């Protein structure tokens, strides 16, 4: 039996969010909309790329808390993850906060996964939770491919790991002292966790093709529960990029669902793909996190968007499994976000 859509009975509000990015991201179409940017060298004052990524998470969570006037003693849990082994970007970056911590690994789906799990925790009663994630181009290249000094050629289907971190504060509490009356507040209204889907893709330079079937699987399950693509202002995927987005649209079209009019992908939105030579677009845990924070949630708050499906996608592999000849499984977690006047 297909697993059902989770529908919170109480309002799960996204009280605030924050985005931290590097210089390449600030040069893209969304430049100027991010909260914190390092336009110098993407190091954020740190001596290693891994420490730089941790610093981005620290800055993102601090900024999100400041936006809603939230002190750490008012947050009941934080859920965070990144692309590095053992989630060290999150472990070190958030260690100074005295908030109960849960480390997550959902690859590039981690933004959606952390928002989903934070929402479920908020459903258990009166809680406030933080969801945080990040990626850094230089730390990811060192771990998953080659050191930057190697100067390896990139395939046209490859994607550029976003240097960015996003943080979100979610609440089921009475937050009338934080929210001004009559304003639009992004609220999580439906959740659909994804299945692990493996269609046999083994090309590390084509993550979009590996993740697209998982996104299609989750969306098909959702639509078959009685929903239609035309209900939504946007159906936004995490970071399928140009290649994966095209595959997703074709897979759904073959099943009778045309999402082309409302689909957008964070990996295509973050960069001027052709002008900046980013091949198939952006990727990484930070990709969907910063696009959702700086652009999508902002448009919901301003009343430009009112109903959005966010499907975070991830490739659940490691360099070790690929070296052993394994294929690349994908995941797609769905979060529906609506703008409600509180």
C-alpha atoms as a PDB file:
ATOM      1  CA  UNK A   1       0.000   0.000   0.000  1.00  0.00           C
ATOM      2  CA  UNK A   2       1.312   3.439  -0.944  1.00  0.00           C
ATOM      3  CA  UNK A   3       2.314   5.571   1.997  1.00  0.00           C
ATOM      4  CA  UNK A   4      -0.069   8.453   2.546  1.00  0.00           C
ATOM      5  CA  UNK A   5       0.558  12.179   2.525  1.00  0.00           C
ATOM      6  CA  UNK A   6       1.279  13.566   5.992  1.00  0.00           C
ATOM      7  CA  UNK A   7      -1.017  16.506   6.773  1.00  0.00           C
ATOM      8  CA  UNK A   8      -0.221  18.471   9.945  1.00  0.00           C
ATOM      9  CA  UNK A   9      -3.356  19.304  11.933  1.00  0.00           C
ATOM     10  CA  UNK A  10      -1.728  22.430  13.381  1.00  0.00           C
ATOM     11  CA  UNK A  11      -0.021  25.291  11.591  1.00  0.00           C
ATOM     12  CA  UNK A  12       3.671  24.579  11.069  1.00  0.00           C
ATOM     13  CA  UNK A  13       5.066  28.019  10.362  1.00  0.00           C
ATOM     14  CA  UNK A  14       8.422  28.867   8.821  1.00  0.00           C
ATOM     15  CA  UNK A  15       9.072  31.878  11.030  1.00  0.00           C
ATOM     16  CA  UNK A  16      12.290  32.932   9.336  1.00  0.00           C
ATOM     17  CA  UNK A  17      15.074  31.752   7.084  1.00  0.00           C
ATOM     18  CA  UNK A  18      18.536  32.906   6.094  1.00  0.00           C
ATOM     19  CA  UNK A  19      20.959  32.310   3.242  1.00  0.00           C
ATOM     20  CA  UNK A  20      24.757  32.498   3.089  1.00  0.00           C
ATOM     21  CA  UNK A  21      26.558  32.164  -0.265  1.00  0.00           C
ATOM     22  CA  UNK A  22      29.878  32.570  -2.025  1.00  0.00           C
ATOM     23  CA  UNK A  23      30.892  34.944  -4.787  1.00  0.00           C
ATOM     24  CA  UNK A  24      29.832  32.759  -7.740  1.00  0.00           C
ATOM     25  CA  UNK A  25      26.320  32.454  -6.356  1.00  0.00           C
ATOM     26  CA  UNK A  26      26.065  36.197  -5.751  1.00  0.00           C
ATOM     27  CA  UNK A  27      26.955  36.783  -9.410  1.00  0.00           C
ATOM     28  CA  UNK A  28      23.948  34.720 -10.532  1.00  0.00           C
ATOM     29  CA  UNK A  29      20.324  35.718 -11.226  1.00  0.00           C
ATOM     30  CA  UNK A  30      19.471  35.813  -7.511  1.00  0.00           C
ATOM     31  CA  UNK A  31      22.466  37.957  -6.565  1.00  0.00           C
ATOM     32  CA  UNK A  32      21.647  40.659  -4.036  1.00  0.00           C
ATOM     33  CA  UNK A  33      18.836  38.641  -2.432  1.00  0.00           C
ATOM     34  CA  UNK A  34      21.053  36.569  -0.131  1.00  0.00           C
ATOM     35  CA  UNK A  35      21.599  37.578   3.480  1.00  0.00           C
ATOM     36  CA  UNK A  36      25.369  37.078   3.765  1.00  0.00           C
ATOM     37  CA  UNK A  37      27.921  36.827   0.948  1.00  0.00           C
ATOM     38  CA  UNK A  38      31.682  36.338   0.825  1.00  0.00           C
ATOM     39  CA  UNK A  39      32.627  38.143  -2.362  1.00  0.00           C
ATOM     40  CA  UNK A  40      36.363  37.817  -1.720  1.00  0.00           C
ATOM     41  CA  UNK A  41      37.469  34.175  -1.625  1.00  0.00           C
ATOM     42  CA  UNK A  42      34.624  31.959  -0.285  1.00  0.00           C
ATOM     43  CA  UNK A  43      36.594  31.267   2.902  1.00  0.00           C
ATOM     44  CA  UNK A  44      34.436  33.275   5.299  1.00  0.00           C
ATOM     45  CA  UNK A  45      37.570  34.058   7.270  1.00  0.00           C
ATOM     46  CA  UNK A  46      38.535  30.409   7.799  1.00  0.00           C
ATOM     47  CA  UNK A  47      41.777  28.583   6.921  1.00  0.00           C
ATOM     48  CA  UNK A  48      40.322  25.452   5.269  1.00  0.00           C
ATOM     49  CA  UNK A  49      37.380  24.827   2.966  1.00  0.00           C
ATOM     50  CA  UNK A  50      35.778  22.483   5.490  1.00  0.00           C
ATOM     51  CA  UNK A  51      35.990  25.103   8.235  1.00  0.00           C
ATOM     52  CA  UNK A  52      34.576  27.625   5.781  1.00  0.00           C
ATOM     53  CA  UNK A  53      31.536  25.424   5.280  1.00  0.00           C
ATOM     54  CA  UNK A  54      31.054  25.083   9.036  1.00  0.00           C
ATOM     55  CA  UNK A  55      31.255  28.857   9.382  1.00  0.00           C
ATOM     56  CA  UNK A  56      28.541  29.272   6.753  1.00  0.00           C
ATOM     57  CA  UNK A  57      26.198  27.110   8.829  1.00  0.00           C
ATOM     58  CA  UNK A  58      26.975  29.065  11.985  1.00  0.00           C
ATOM     59  CA  UNK A  59      26.280  32.347  10.195  1.00  0.00           C
ATOM     60  CA  UNK A  60      23.071  31.072   8.554  1.00  0.00           C
ATOM     61  CA  UNK A  61      21.509  29.819  11.770  1.00  0.00           C
ATOM     62  CA  UNK A  62      22.524  32.956  13.659  1.00  0.00           C
ATOM     63  CA  UNK A  63      21.011  35.161  10.965  1.00  0.00           C
ATOM     64  CA  UNK A  64      17.731  33.190  10.882  1.00  0.00           C
ATOM     65  CA  UNK A  65      17.451  33.402  14.675  1.00  0.00           C
ATOM     66  CA  UNK A  66      18.134  37.143  14.638  1.00  0.00           C
ATOM     67  CA  UNK A  67      15.470  37.739  11.996  1.00  0.00           C
ATOM     68  CA  UNK A  68      12.721  36.378  14.235  1.00  0.00           C
ATOM     69  CA  UNK A  69      14.263  37.510  17.500  1.00  0.00           C
ATOM     70  CA  UNK A  70      14.728  33.925  18.653  1.00  0.00           C
ATOM     71  CA  UNK A  71      17.295  33.014  21.292  1.00  0.00           C
ATOM     72  CA  UNK A  72      18.738  29.505  21.359  1.00  0.00           C
ATOM     73  CA  UNK A  73      16.930  28.595  24.577  1.00  0.00           C
ATOM     74  CA  UNK A  74      13.632  29.012  22.669  1.00  0.00           C
ATOM     75  CA  UNK A  75      14.563  26.401  20.029  1.00  0.00           C
ATOM     76  CA  UNK A  76      13.897  22.802  21.006  1.00  0.00           C
ATOM     77  CA  UNK A  77      15.963  21.015  18.346  1.00  0.00           C
ATOM     78  CA  UNK A  78      18.098  21.618  15.295  1.00  0.00           C
ATOM     79  CA  UNK A  79      18.361  19.204  12.370  1.00  0.00           C
ATOM     80  CA  UNK A  80      21.316  19.702  10.074  1.00  0.00           C
ATOM     81  CA  UNK A  81      23.409  18.025   7.409  1.00  0.00           C
ATOM     82  CA  UNK A  82      25.917  18.524   4.614  1.00  0.00           C
ATOM     83  CA  UNK A  83      27.849  16.529   2.006  1.00  0.00           C
ATOM     84  CA  UNK A  84      31.009  15.853   3.986  1.00  0.00           C
ATOM     85  CA  UNK A  85      31.909  12.573   5.678  1.00  0.00           C
ATOM     86  CA  UNK A  86      30.131  12.199   9.022  1.00  0.00           C
ATOM     87  CA  UNK A  87      28.437  15.599   8.417  1.00  0.00           C
ATOM     88  CA  UNK A  88      31.435  17.408   9.905  1.00  0.00           C
ATOM     89  CA  UNK A  89      30.350  20.705   8.358  1.00  0.00           C
ATOM     90  CA  UNK A  90      27.259  20.663  10.567  1.00  0.00           C
ATOM     91  CA  UNK A  91      28.891  19.032  13.597  1.00  0.00           C
ATOM     92  CA  UNK A  92      31.564  21.678  13.950  1.00  0.00           C
ATOM     93  CA  UNK A  93      29.598  24.626  12.598  1.00  0.00           C
ATOM     94  CA  UNK A  94      26.700  24.314  15.020  1.00  0.00           C
ATOM     95  CA  UNK A  95      28.586  23.044  18.068  1.00  0.00           C
ATOM     96  CA  UNK A  96      28.551  26.402  19.853  1.00  0.00           C
ATOM     97  CA  UNK A  97      24.762  26.501  19.922  1.00  0.00           C
ATOM     98  CA  UNK A  98      23.244  24.993  23.069  1.00  0.00           C
ATOM     99  CA  UNK A  99      20.401  23.370  21.148  1.00  0.00           C
ATOM    100  CA  UNK A 100      19.689  19.606  20.937  1.00  0.00           C
ATOM    101  CA  UNK A 101      21.238  18.476  17.644  1.00  0.00           C
ATOM    102  CA  UNK A 102      20.310  15.805  15.087  1.00  0.00           C
ATOM    103  CA  UNK A 103      22.757  15.167  12.225  1.00  0.00           C
ATOM    104  CA  UNK A 104      21.234  14.197   8.868  1.00  0.00           C
ATOM    105  CA  UNK A 105      22.497  12.899   5.566  1.00  0.00           C
ATOM    106  CA  UNK A 106      20.146  13.107   2.612  1.00  0.00           C
ATOM    107  CA  UNK A 107      22.728  14.316   0.090  1.00  0.00           C
ATOM    108  CA  UNK A 108      21.277  17.221  -1.894  1.00  0.00           C
ATOM    109  CA  UNK A 109      17.781  16.498  -0.527  1.00  0.00           C
ATOM    110  CA  UNK A 110      18.896  17.498   2.978  1.00  0.00           C
ATOM    111  CA  UNK A 111      17.136  20.891   2.939  1.00  0.00           C
ATOM    112  CA  UNK A 112      13.768  19.244   2.225  1.00  0.00           C
ATOM    113  CA  UNK A 113      14.536  16.345   4.573  1.00  0.00           C
ATOM    114  CA  UNK A 114      15.447  18.621   7.482  1.00  0.00           C
ATOM    115  CA  UNK A 115      12.363  20.828   6.940  1.00  0.00           C
ATOM    116  CA  UNK A 116      10.206  17.696   6.756  1.00  0.00           C
ATOM    117  CA  UNK A 117      11.573  16.140   9.948  1.00  0.00           C
ATOM    118  CA  UNK A 118      11.476  19.478  11.766  1.00  0.00           C
ATOM    119  CA  UNK A 119       7.818  19.797  10.749  1.00  0.00           C
ATOM    120  CA  UNK A 120       7.044  16.315  12.058  1.00  0.00           C
ATOM    121  CA  UNK A 121       8.743  17.145  15.349  1.00  0.00           C
ATOM    122  CA  UNK A 122       6.690  20.321  15.595  1.00  0.00           C
ATOM    123  CA  UNK A 123       3.547  18.220  15.012  1.00  0.00           C
ATOM    124  CA  UNK A 124       4.224  16.361  18.263  1.00  0.00           C
ATOM    125  CA  UNK A 125       3.283  19.399  20.324  1.00  0.00           C
ATOM    126  CA  UNK A 126       4.395  22.938  20.944  1.00  0.00           C
ATOM    127  CA  UNK A 127       7.908  23.062  19.546  1.00  0.00           C
ATOM    128  CA  UNK A 128      10.288  25.234  17.607  1.00  0.00           C
ATOM    129  CA  UNK A 129      12.944  23.600  15.445  1.00  0.00           C
ATOM    130  CA  UNK A 130      15.801  24.743  13.235  1.00  0.00           C
ATOM    131  CA  UNK A 131      16.648  23.104   9.910  1.00  0.00           C
ATOM    132  CA  UNK A 132      20.129  23.870   8.552  1.00  0.00           C
ATOM    133  CA  UNK A 133      22.206  22.596   5.651  1.00  0.00           C
ATOM    134  CA  UNK A 134      25.198  23.556   3.524  1.00  0.00           C
ATOM    135  CA  UNK A 135      27.612  22.667   0.753  1.00  0.00           C
ATOM    136  CA  UNK A 136      30.851  24.221  -0.465  1.00  0.00           C
ATOM    137  CA  UNK A 137      32.245  23.833  -3.953  1.00  0.00           C
ATOM    138  CA  UNK A 138      35.843  23.388  -2.821  1.00  0.00           C
ATOM    139  CA  UNK A 139      35.168  20.927   0.018  1.00  0.00           C
ATOM    140  CA  UNK A 140      32.873  18.863  -2.207  1.00  0.00           C
ATOM    141  CA  UNK A 141      35.379  18.745  -5.054  1.00  0.00           C
ATOM    142  CA  UNK A 142      38.073  17.519  -2.676  1.00  0.00           C
ATOM    143  CA  UNK A 143      35.836  14.780  -1.287  1.00  0.00           C
ATOM    144  CA  UNK A 144      33.927  13.574  -4.334  1.00  0.00           C
ATOM    145  CA  UNK A 145      36.151  14.276  -7.334  1.00  0.00           C
ATOM    146  CA  UNK A 146      39.648  15.759  -7.515  1.00  0.00           C
ATOM    147  CA  UNK A 147      41.558  18.504  -5.698  1.00  0.00           C
ATOM    148  CA  UNK A 148      41.037  21.828  -7.451  1.00  0.00           C
ATOM    149  CA  UNK A 149      44.697  21.907  -8.460  1.00  0.00           C
ATOM    150  CA  UNK A 150      44.117  18.865 -10.679  1.00  0.00           C
ATOM    151  CA  UNK A 151      42.123  20.956 -13.138  1.00  0.00           C
ATOM    152  CA  UNK A 152      40.053  18.053 -14.491  1.00  0.00           C
ATOM    153  CA  UNK A 153      37.632  18.554 -17.372  1.00  0.00           C
ATOM    154  CA  UNK A 154      33.906  18.537 -16.563  1.00  0.00           C
ATOM    155  CA  UNK A 155      31.288  16.762 -18.674  1.00  0.00           C
ATOM    156  CA  UNK A 156      28.393  18.826 -20.120  1.00  0.00           C
ATOM    157  CA  UNK A 157      25.954  16.968 -17.844  1.00  0.00           C
ATOM    158  CA  UNK A 158      27.948  17.684 -14.673  1.00  0.00           C
ATOM    159  CA  UNK A 159      26.764  20.194 -12.073  1.00  0.00           C
ATOM    160  CA  UNK A 160      28.545  22.818  -9.995  1.00  0.00           C
ATOM    161  CA  UNK A 161      28.326  22.357  -6.221  1.00  0.00           C
ATOM    162  CA  UNK A 162      26.830  25.502  -4.714  1.00  0.00           C
ATOM    163  CA  UNK A 163      28.791  27.296  -2.005  1.00  0.00           C
ATOM    164  CA  UNK A 164      25.922  28.125   0.288  1.00  0.00           C
ATOM    165  CA  UNK A 165      24.074  27.456   3.527  1.00  0.00           C
ATOM    166  CA  UNK A 166      20.417  27.869   4.393  1.00  0.00           C
ATOM    167  CA  UNK A 167      18.715  27.879   7.791  1.00  0.00           C
ATOM    168  CA  UNK A 168      15.009  27.753   8.619  1.00  0.00           C
ATOM    169  CA  UNK A 169      13.171  28.269  11.915  1.00  0.00           C
ATOM    170  CA  UNK A 170       9.919  26.284  12.147  1.00  0.00           C
ATOM    171  CA  UNK A 171       7.327  26.531  14.875  1.00  0.00           C
ATOM    172  CA  UNK A 172       3.956  25.202  16.031  1.00  0.00           C
ATOM    173  CA  UNK A 173       3.975  27.567  19.007  1.00  0.00           C
ATOM    174  CA  UNK A 174       1.882  30.683  19.479  1.00  0.00           C
ATOM    175  CA  UNK A 175       4.218  33.174  17.819  1.00  0.00           C
ATOM    176  CA  UNK A 176       1.906  36.176  17.742  1.00  0.00           C
ATOM    177  CA  UNK A 177       4.652  38.273  19.323  1.00  0.00           C
ATOM    178  CA  UNK A 178       6.890  37.556  16.314  1.00  0.00           C
ATOM    179  CA  UNK A 179       4.419  37.633  13.425  1.00  0.00           C
ATOM    180  CA  UNK A 180       2.732  40.895  12.486  1.00  0.00           C
ATOM    181  CA  UNK A 181      -0.992  40.584  11.981  1.00  0.00           C
ATOM    182  CA  UNK A 182      -2.162  40.254   8.387  1.00  0.00           C
ATOM    183  CA  UNK A 183       1.178  39.261   6.858  1.00  0.00           C
ATOM    184  CA  UNK A 184       1.699  36.125   4.796  1.00  0.00           C
ATOM    185  CA  UNK A 185       3.608  33.389   6.602  1.00  0.00           C
ATOM    186  CA  UNK A 186       4.951  30.287   4.804  1.00  0.00           C
ATOM    187  CA  UNK A 187       3.325  27.232   6.387  1.00  0.00           C
ATOM    188  CA  UNK A 188       4.117  23.557   5.801  1.00  0.00           C
ATOM    189  CA  UNK A 189       0.786  21.932   4.934  1.00  0.00           C
ATOM    190  CA  UNK A 190       1.683  18.532   3.450  1.00  0.00           C
ATOM    191  CA  UNK A 191       4.647  16.153   3.479  1.00  0.00           C
ATOM    192  CA  UNK A 192       5.447  13.070   1.422  1.00  0.00           C
ATOM    193  CA  UNK A 193       8.714  11.247   2.191  1.00  0.00           C
ATOM    194  CA  UNK A 194      10.455   9.692  -0.787  1.00  0.00           C
ATOM    195  CA  UNK A 195      11.455   6.130  -1.558  1.00  0.00           C
ATOM    196  CA  UNK A 196      15.001   5.213  -2.588  1.00  0.00           C
ATOM    197  CA  UNK A 197      14.857   4.800  -6.384  1.00  0.00           C
ATOM    198  CA  UNK A 198      17.684   3.294  -8.447  1.00  0.00           C
ATOM    199  CA  UNK A 199      17.376   3.226 -12.246  1.00  0.00           C
ATOM    200  CA  UNK A 200      20.901   1.993 -12.810  1.00  0.00           C
ATOM    201  CA  UNK A 201      22.682   5.296 -13.470  1.00  0.00           C
ATOM    202  CA  UNK A 202      26.389   5.006 -12.652  1.00  0.00           C
ATOM    203  CA  UNK A 203      27.780   8.202 -14.217  1.00  0.00           C
ATOM    204  CA  UNK A 204      29.012  10.502 -11.428  1.00  0.00           C
ATOM    205  CA  UNK A 205      28.956  13.338 -13.963  1.00  0.00           C
ATOM    206  CA  UNK A 206      25.210  12.991 -14.515  1.00  0.00           C
ATOM    207  CA  UNK A 207      23.573  13.320 -11.103  1.00  0.00           C
ATOM    208  CA  UNK A 208      20.470  14.844 -12.672  1.00  0.00           C
ATOM    209  CA  UNK A 209      19.717  11.587 -14.473  1.00  0.00           C
ATOM    210  CA  UNK A 210      20.199   9.634 -11.240  1.00  0.00           C
ATOM    211  CA  UNK A 211      17.867  11.872  -9.195  1.00  0.00           C
ATOM    212  CA  UNK A 212      15.107  12.572 -11.746  1.00  0.00           C
ATOM    213  CA  UNK A 213      13.412   9.136 -11.428  1.00  0.00           C
ATOM    214  CA  UNK A 214      13.155   9.592  -7.647  1.00  0.00           C
ATOM    215  CA  UNK A 215      11.580  13.026  -8.064  1.00  0.00           C
ATOM    216  CA  UNK A 216       9.149  11.585 -10.614  1.00  0.00           C
ATOM    217  CA  UNK A 217       8.270   8.691  -8.291  1.00  0.00           C
ATOM    218  CA  UNK A 218       7.408  11.027  -5.395  1.00  0.00           C
ATOM    219  CA  UNK A 219       5.421  13.430  -7.563  1.00  0.00           C
ATOM    220  CA  UNK A 220       3.470  10.576  -9.184  1.00  0.00           C
ATOM    221  CA  UNK A 221       2.539   9.217  -5.770  1.00  0.00           C
ATOM    222  CA  UNK A 222       1.431  12.681  -4.754  1.00  0.00           C
ATOM    223  CA  UNK A 223      -0.620  13.360  -7.883  1.00  0.00           C
ATOM    224  CA  UNK A 224      -2.344   9.981  -7.623  1.00  0.00           C
ATOM    225  CA  UNK A 225      -3.669  11.077  -4.228  1.00  0.00           C
ATOM    226  CA  UNK A 226      -5.940  13.486  -6.095  1.00  0.00           C
ATOM    227  CA  UNK A 227      -3.691  16.446  -6.861  1.00  0.00           C
ATOM    228  CA  UNK A 228      -2.938  18.118 -10.187  1.00  0.00           C
ATOM    229  CA  UNK A 229       0.073  20.182 -11.338  1.00  0.00           C
ATOM    230  CA  UNK A 230      -2.274  23.070 -12.151  1.00  0.00           C
ATOM    231  CA  UNK A 231      -3.056  23.539  -8.435  1.00  0.00           C
ATOM    232  CA  UNK A 232       0.355  25.050  -7.744  1.00  0.00           C
ATOM    233  CA  UNK A 233       2.085  28.305  -8.493  1.00  0.00           C
ATOM    234  CA  UNK A 234       5.375  26.420  -8.703  1.00  0.00           C
ATOM    235  CA  UNK A 235       6.638  22.861  -8.520  1.00  0.00           C
ATOM    236  CA  UNK A 236      10.257  23.367  -7.602  1.00  0.00           C
ATOM    237  CA  UNK A 237      12.831  20.587  -7.565  1.00  0.00           C
ATOM    238  CA  UNK A 238      15.991  20.625  -5.499  1.00  0.00           C
ATOM    239  CA  UNK A 239      18.814  20.489  -7.979  1.00  0.00           C
ATOM    240  CA  UNK A 240      18.170  18.301 -10.984  1.00  0.00           C
ATOM    241  CA  UNK A 241      19.869  20.848 -13.193  1.00  0.00           C
ATOM    242  CA  UNK A 242      19.220  21.181 -16.896  1.00  0.00           C
ATOM    243  CA  UNK A 243      19.660  17.480 -17.683  1.00  0.00           C
ATOM    244  CA  UNK A 244      17.603  16.076 -14.812  1.00  0.00           C
ATOM    245  CA  UNK A 245      14.799  18.631 -15.202  1.00  0.00           C
ATOM    246  CA  UNK A 246      14.281  17.597 -18.811  1.00  0.00           C
ATOM    247  CA  UNK A 247      14.183  13.920 -17.811  1.00  0.00           C
ATOM    248  CA  UNK A 248      11.695  14.616 -15.000  1.00  0.00           C
ATOM    249  CA  UNK A 249       9.305  16.440 -17.316  1.00  0.00           C
ATOM    250  CA  UNK A 250       9.480  13.577 -19.840  1.00  0.00           C
ATOM    251  CA  UNK A 251       8.911  10.900 -17.170  1.00  0.00           C
ATOM    252  CA  UNK A 252       5.829  12.647 -15.795  1.00  0.00           C
ATOM    253  CA  UNK A 253       4.491  13.486 -19.246  1.00  0.00           C
ATOM    254  CA  UNK A 254       4.605   9.773 -20.108  1.00  0.00           C
ATOM    255  CA  UNK A 255       2.313   9.176 -17.106  1.00  0.00           C
ATOM    256  CA  UNK A 256      -0.131  11.889 -18.166  1.00  0.00           C
ATOM    257  CA  UNK A 257       1.073  14.751 -15.957  1.00  0.00           C
ATOM    258  CA  UNK A 258       2.410  17.907 -17.613  1.00  0.00           C
ATOM    259  CA  UNK A 259       4.363  20.051 -15.123  1.00  0.00           C
ATOM    260  CA  UNK A 260       6.277  22.092 -17.703  1.00  0.00           C
ATOM    261  CA  UNK A 261       4.237  25.271 -17.141  1.00  0.00           C
ATOM    262  CA  UNK A 262       4.903  25.412 -13.388  1.00  0.00           C
ATOM    263  CA  UNK A 263       8.200  23.562 -12.944  1.00  0.00           C
ATOM    264  CA  UNK A 264      11.385  25.302 -11.850  1.00  0.00           C
ATOM    265  CA  UNK A 265      14.639  23.850 -10.582  1.00  0.00           C
ATOM    266  CA  UNK A 266      16.960  25.398  -8.014  1.00  0.00           C
ATOM    267  CA  UNK A 267      19.988  24.109  -9.912  1.00  0.00           C
ATOM    268  CA  UNK A 268      18.899  26.091 -12.964  1.00  0.00           C
ATOM    269  CA  UNK A 269      17.897  29.198 -11.021  1.00  0.00           C
ATOM    270  CA  UNK A 270      21.069  29.751  -8.974  1.00  0.00           C
ATOM    271  CA  UNK A 271      23.453  30.454 -11.888  1.00  0.00           C
ATOM    272  CA  UNK A 272      23.425  31.998 -15.340  1.00  0.00           C
ATOM    273  CA  UNK A 273      24.267  28.541 -16.641  1.00  0.00           C
ATOM    274  CA  UNK A 274      25.462  29.423 -20.129  1.00  0.00           C
ATOM    275  CA  UNK A 275      27.109  32.749 -19.335  1.00  0.00           C
ATOM    276  CA  UNK A 276      29.002  31.400 -16.312  1.00  0.00           C
ATOM    277  CA  UNK A 277      29.965  27.991 -17.770  1.00  0.00           C
ATOM    278  CA  UNK A 278      28.221  26.009 -15.051  1.00  0.00           C
ATOM    279  CA  UNK A 279      27.386  23.155 -17.429  1.00  0.00           C
ATOM    280  CA  UNK A 280      24.064  21.589 -16.289  1.00  0.00           C
ATOM    281  CA  UNK A 281      23.614  23.970 -13.332  1.00  0.00           C
ATOM    282  CA  UNK A 282      23.995  23.947  -9.581  1.00  0.00           C
ATOM    283  CA  UNK A 283      23.847  21.137  -7.026  1.00  0.00           C
ATOM    284  CA  UNK A 284      24.717  20.402  -3.410  1.00  0.00           C
ATOM    285  CA  UNK A 285      22.877  20.639  -0.092  1.00  0.00           C
ATOM    286  CA  UNK A 286      23.167  24.405  -0.161  1.00  0.00           C
ATOM    287  CA  UNK A 287      21.598  24.809  -3.596  1.00  0.00           C
ATOM    288  CA  UNK A 288      17.908  24.342  -2.790  1.00  0.00           C
ATOM    289  CA  UNK A 289      18.393  25.745   0.732  1.00  0.00           C
ATOM    290  CA  UNK A 290      19.553  29.182  -0.417  1.00  0.00           C
ATOM    291  CA  UNK A 291      17.123  29.392  -3.357  1.00  0.00           C
ATOM    292  CA  UNK A 292      14.195  28.484  -1.105  1.00  0.00           C
ATOM    293  CA  UNK A 293      15.241  30.998   1.550  1.00  0.00           C
ATOM    294  CA  UNK A 294      16.282  33.939  -0.609  1.00  0.00           C
ATOM    295  CA  UNK A 295      13.723  33.624  -3.396  1.00  0.00           C
ATOM    296  CA  UNK A 296      10.803  31.206  -2.921  1.00  0.00           C
ATOM    297  CA  UNK A 297       9.939  31.901   0.723  1.00  0.00           C
ATOM    298  CA  UNK A 298      10.459  35.622   0.177  1.00  0.00           C
ATOM    299  CA  UNK A 299       7.941  35.565  -2.683  1.00  0.00           C
ATOM    300  CA  UNK A 300       5.467  33.681  -0.494  1.00  0.00           C
ATOM    301  CA  UNK A 301       5.822  36.289   2.255  1.00  0.00           C
ATOM    302  CA  UNK A 302       5.239  39.057  -0.281  1.00  0.00           C
ATOM    303  CA  UNK A 303       2.128  37.340  -1.661  1.00  0.00           C
ATOM    304  CA  UNK A 304       3.674  36.732  -5.091  1.00  0.00           C
ATOM    305  CA  UNK A 305       3.453  32.963  -4.588  1.00  0.00           C
ATOM    306  CA  UNK A 306       0.770  31.278  -2.503  1.00  0.00           C
ATOM    307  CA  UNK A 307       1.132  27.520  -3.009  1.00  0.00           C
ATOM    308  CA  UNK A 308       4.396  25.728  -3.794  1.00  0.00           C
ATOM    309  CA  UNK A 309       5.518  22.103  -3.998  1.00  0.00           C
ATOM    310  CA  UNK A 310       9.158  21.677  -3.048  1.00  0.00           C
ATOM    311  CA  UNK A 311      10.746  18.341  -3.958  1.00  0.00           C
ATOM    312  CA  UNK A 312      14.265  18.068  -2.582  1.00  0.00           C
ATOM    313  CA  UNK A 313      16.343  15.580  -4.559  1.00  0.00           C
ATOM    314  CA  UNK A 314      19.519  13.752  -3.621  1.00  0.00           C
ATOM    315  CA  UNK A 315      21.976  11.171  -4.969  1.00  0.00           C
ATOM    316  CA  UNK A 316      22.627   8.660  -2.186  1.00  0.00           C
ATOM    317  CA  UNK A 317      26.139   7.511  -3.012  1.00  0.00           C
ATOM    318  CA  UNK A 318      29.747   7.946  -1.953  1.00  0.00           C
ATOM    319  CA  UNK A 319      33.064   7.776  -3.817  1.00  0.00           C
ATOM    320  CA  UNK A 320      33.637   4.363  -2.215  1.00  0.00           C
ATOM    321  CA  UNK A 321      30.440   2.825  -3.608  1.00  0.00           C
ATOM    322  CA  UNK A 322      31.137   4.208  -7.071  1.00  0.00           C
ATOM    323  CA  UNK A 323      34.664   2.811  -7.029  1.00  0.00           C
ATOM    324  CA  UNK A 324      33.125  -0.559  -6.179  1.00  0.00           C
ATOM    325  CA  UNK A 325      30.917  -0.357  -9.268  1.00  0.00           C
ATOM    326  CA  UNK A 326      27.617   0.452  -7.573  1.00  0.00           C
ATOM    327  CA  UNK A 327      24.925   2.485  -9.279  1.00  0.00           C
ATOM    328  CA  UNK A 328      23.573   5.767  -7.875  1.00  0.00           C
ATOM    329  CA  UNK A 329      20.267   5.627  -5.961  1.00  0.00           C
ATOM    330  CA  UNK A 330      18.175   8.779  -5.754  1.00  0.00           C
ATOM    331  CA  UNK A 331      15.668  10.212  -3.296  1.00  0.00           C
ATOM    332  CA  UNK A 332      12.958  12.857  -3.552  1.00  0.00           C
ATOM    333  CA  UNK A 333      11.236  14.334  -0.475  1.00  0.00           C
ATOM    334  CA  UNK A 334       8.133  16.491  -0.998  1.00  0.00           C
ATOM    335  CA  UNK A 335       7.123  19.488   1.127  1.00  0.00           C
ATOM    336  CA  UNK A 336       4.060  21.597   0.312  1.00  0.00           C
ATOM    337  CA  UNK A 337       4.313  25.208   1.491  1.00  0.00           C
ATOM    338  CA  UNK A 338       1.446  27.683   1.435  1.00  0.00           C
ATOM    339  CA  UNK A 339       1.296  31.347   2.329  1.00  0.00           C
ATOM    340  CA  UNK A 340      -1.256  31.826   5.096  1.00  0.00           C
ATOM    341  CA  UNK A 341      -2.302  35.056   6.770  1.00  0.00           C
ATOM    342  CA  UNK A 342      -1.837  34.538  10.488  1.00  0.00           C
END
